[in-house]
N, C-alpha and C. Protein backbone atom coordinates (compact mmCIF):
# COMPACT_ATOMS: atom_id res chain seq x y z
N UNK A 1 126.33 176.02 64.59
CA UNK A 1 125.38 175.29 63.79
C UNK A 1 124.02 175.22 64.49
N UNK A 2 124.00 174.97 65.79
CA UNK A 2 122.74 174.88 66.52
C UNK A 2 122.02 176.22 66.56
N UNK A 3 122.79 177.29 66.56
CA UNK A 3 122.17 178.62 66.57
C UNK A 3 121.41 178.84 65.26
N UNK A 4 121.98 178.43 64.16
CA UNK A 4 121.33 178.58 62.86
C UNK A 4 120.05 177.74 62.80
N UNK A 5 120.13 176.50 63.24
CA UNK A 5 118.95 175.62 63.22
C UNK A 5 117.86 176.20 64.12
N UNK A 6 118.23 176.67 65.30
CA UNK A 6 117.26 177.26 66.23
C UNK A 6 116.62 178.50 65.62
N UNK A 7 117.41 179.32 64.95
CA UNK A 7 116.88 180.54 64.34
C UNK A 7 115.89 180.20 63.22
N UNK A 8 116.20 179.20 62.41
CA UNK A 8 115.32 178.81 61.32
C UNK A 8 114.01 178.23 61.87
N UNK A 9 114.11 177.39 62.88
CA UNK A 9 112.90 176.81 63.49
C UNK A 9 112.05 177.90 64.13
N UNK A 10 112.70 178.84 64.81
CA UNK A 10 111.97 179.94 65.44
C UNK A 10 111.28 180.81 64.39
N UNK A 11 111.93 181.03 63.27
CA UNK A 11 111.32 181.81 62.19
C UNK A 11 110.10 181.11 61.62
N UNK A 12 110.20 179.80 61.40
CA UNK A 12 109.07 179.04 60.85
C UNK A 12 107.91 179.02 61.85
N UNK A 13 108.20 178.77 63.12
CA UNK A 13 107.16 178.74 64.14
C UNK A 13 106.51 180.11 64.29
N UNK A 14 107.31 181.16 64.26
CA UNK A 14 106.77 182.52 64.37
C UNK A 14 105.89 182.89 63.19
N UNK A 15 106.31 182.51 61.99
CA UNK A 15 105.51 182.81 60.80
C UNK A 15 104.18 182.06 60.83
N UNK A 16 104.23 180.79 61.22
CA UNK A 16 103.00 179.99 61.30
C UNK A 16 102.08 180.55 62.38
N UNK A 17 102.63 180.89 63.53
CA UNK A 17 101.83 181.46 64.61
C UNK A 17 101.21 182.79 64.21
N UNK A 18 101.96 183.63 63.53
CA UNK A 18 101.44 184.92 63.07
C UNK A 18 100.33 184.75 62.05
N UNK A 19 100.50 183.77 61.17
CA UNK A 19 99.46 183.51 60.18
C UNK A 19 98.16 183.09 60.83
N UNK A 20 98.24 182.15 61.76
CA UNK A 20 97.02 181.67 62.42
C UNK A 20 96.39 182.75 63.31
N UNK A 21 97.21 183.56 63.93
CA UNK A 21 96.68 184.67 64.72
C UNK A 21 95.95 185.68 63.82
N UNK A 22 96.51 185.94 62.65
CA UNK A 22 95.88 186.85 61.69
C UNK A 22 94.56 186.31 61.17
N UNK A 23 94.50 185.03 60.89
CA UNK A 23 93.25 184.40 60.43
C UNK A 23 92.19 184.48 61.52
N UNK A 24 92.58 184.20 62.76
CA UNK A 24 91.65 184.27 63.89
C UNK A 24 91.11 185.69 64.04
N UNK A 25 91.99 186.69 63.96
CA UNK A 25 91.58 188.09 64.10
C UNK A 25 90.63 188.49 62.97
N UNK A 26 90.94 188.09 61.74
CA UNK A 26 90.10 188.44 60.60
C UNK A 26 88.72 187.82 60.73
N UNK A 27 88.64 186.57 61.17
CA UNK A 27 87.34 185.92 61.37
C UNK A 27 86.51 186.65 62.42
N UNK A 28 87.15 187.04 63.51
CA UNK A 28 86.43 187.77 64.56
C UNK A 28 85.90 189.10 64.03
N UNK A 29 86.71 189.79 63.23
CA UNK A 29 86.27 191.07 62.66
C UNK A 29 85.07 190.86 61.73
N UNK A 30 85.11 189.81 60.92
CA UNK A 30 83.99 189.55 60.01
C UNK A 30 82.72 189.18 60.77
N UNK A 31 82.87 188.42 61.85
CA UNK A 31 81.70 188.07 62.66
C UNK A 31 81.11 189.31 63.32
N UNK A 32 81.97 190.20 63.78
CA UNK A 32 81.49 191.43 64.40
C UNK A 32 80.82 192.34 63.38
N UNK A 33 81.33 192.31 62.15
CA UNK A 33 80.79 193.17 61.10
C UNK A 33 79.38 192.75 60.71
N UNK A 34 79.02 191.50 60.90
CA UNK A 34 77.69 191.02 60.55
C UNK A 34 76.61 191.74 61.33
N UNK A 35 76.88 192.05 62.58
CA UNK A 35 75.86 192.66 63.42
C UNK A 35 76.04 194.16 63.59
N UNK A 36 77.12 194.73 63.05
CA UNK A 36 77.38 196.15 63.22
C UNK A 36 77.41 196.84 61.86
N UNK A 37 76.30 197.48 61.47
CA UNK A 37 76.26 198.12 60.14
C UNK A 37 77.26 199.27 59.99
N UNK A 38 77.59 199.94 61.09
CA UNK A 38 78.55 201.04 61.01
C UNK A 38 79.93 200.53 60.61
N UNK A 39 80.30 199.38 61.14
CA UNK A 39 81.58 198.79 60.80
C UNK A 39 81.62 198.38 59.33
N UNK A 40 80.52 197.83 58.83
CA UNK A 40 80.43 197.44 57.42
C UNK A 40 80.49 198.68 56.53
N UNK A 41 79.83 199.75 56.94
CA UNK A 41 79.85 201.00 56.17
C UNK A 41 81.27 201.57 56.14
N UNK A 42 81.96 201.51 57.25
CA UNK A 42 83.34 202.01 57.33
C UNK A 42 84.25 201.24 56.39
N UNK A 43 84.10 199.91 56.36
CA UNK A 43 84.92 199.09 55.48
C UNK A 43 84.63 199.42 54.02
N UNK A 44 83.35 199.61 53.70
CA UNK A 44 82.98 199.93 52.32
C UNK A 44 83.59 201.27 51.90
N UNK A 45 83.56 202.26 52.79
CA UNK A 45 84.14 203.56 52.47
C UNK A 45 85.65 203.47 52.27
N UNK A 46 86.32 202.62 53.06
CA UNK A 46 87.76 202.44 52.90
C UNK A 46 88.08 201.82 51.55
N UNK A 47 87.16 201.03 51.02
CA UNK A 47 87.37 200.41 49.72
C UNK A 47 86.88 201.31 48.58
N UNK A 48 86.32 202.46 48.92
CA UNK A 48 85.90 203.42 47.90
C UNK A 48 84.46 203.31 47.49
N UNK A 49 83.64 202.61 48.25
CA UNK A 49 82.22 202.46 47.94
C UNK A 49 81.37 203.24 48.93
N UNK A 50 80.31 203.86 48.41
CA UNK A 50 79.28 204.46 49.26
C UNK A 50 78.03 203.62 49.10
N UNK A 51 77.58 203.03 50.20
CA UNK A 51 76.44 202.13 50.15
C UNK A 51 75.21 202.80 50.76
N UNK A 52 74.06 202.68 50.07
CA UNK A 52 72.83 203.19 50.65
C UNK A 52 72.24 202.14 51.58
N UNK A 53 71.10 202.44 52.20
CA UNK A 53 70.53 201.53 53.19
C UNK A 53 70.16 200.18 52.60
N UNK A 54 69.62 200.19 51.39
CA UNK A 54 69.22 198.94 50.76
C UNK A 54 70.45 198.06 50.49
N UNK A 55 71.53 198.67 50.01
CA UNK A 55 72.75 197.92 49.76
C UNK A 55 73.35 197.40 51.06
N UNK A 56 73.25 198.19 52.12
CA UNK A 56 73.77 197.76 53.42
C UNK A 56 73.00 196.55 53.92
N UNK A 57 71.67 196.60 53.80
CA UNK A 57 70.85 195.48 54.26
C UNK A 57 71.16 194.22 53.45
N UNK A 58 71.36 194.38 52.15
CA UNK A 58 71.68 193.24 51.30
C UNK A 58 73.05 192.66 51.69
N UNK A 59 74.02 193.51 51.94
CA UNK A 59 75.35 193.05 52.33
C UNK A 59 75.31 192.34 53.68
N UNK A 60 74.56 192.88 54.63
CA UNK A 60 74.44 192.23 55.93
C UNK A 60 73.75 190.88 55.80
N UNK A 61 72.73 190.82 54.98
CA UNK A 61 72.02 189.55 54.77
C UNK A 61 72.95 188.51 54.16
N UNK A 62 73.76 188.92 53.19
CA UNK A 62 74.70 188.01 52.56
C UNK A 62 75.75 187.53 53.57
N UNK A 63 76.20 188.42 54.43
CA UNK A 63 77.22 188.04 55.42
C UNK A 63 76.63 187.11 56.47
N UNK A 64 75.36 187.31 56.83
CA UNK A 64 74.74 186.43 57.83
C UNK A 64 74.56 185.02 57.26
N UNK A 65 74.33 184.92 55.95
CA UNK A 65 74.17 183.62 55.32
C UNK A 65 75.51 182.93 55.08
N UNK A 66 76.58 183.70 55.09
CA UNK A 66 77.92 183.15 54.88
C UNK A 66 78.34 182.37 56.12
N UNK A 67 78.84 181.16 55.92
CA UNK A 67 79.32 180.34 57.04
C UNK A 67 80.84 180.40 57.07
N UNK A 68 81.40 180.83 58.21
CA UNK A 68 82.84 180.90 58.37
C UNK A 68 83.32 179.60 58.99
N UNK A 69 84.16 178.89 58.28
CA UNK A 69 84.65 177.61 58.78
C UNK A 69 85.64 177.84 59.89
N UNK A 70 85.61 176.95 60.87
CA UNK A 70 86.55 177.04 61.99
C UNK A 70 87.43 175.86 62.02
C-alpha cells in the first residue's frame, strides 16, 4: 500500500516540477527572442511564415512591450 501511495505522490510531484520547469524554459526563450531577430525569424519559419524586415521590427517591438509575469 505504501508503495502505491509513494508512486502516486512521486508522479504528481514530478508532473508539477516538469510543468514549472517547462514554463521557466519557455519564458527564458521568449526573453532571448526579444533581442535576437534571427531566433524570431527561425520561429516564424517553423510556423510557416516568411517575415520581411518591417514585419520583424514590428514583431520585436510588440514582444518588447509584452510583459512576462513572474
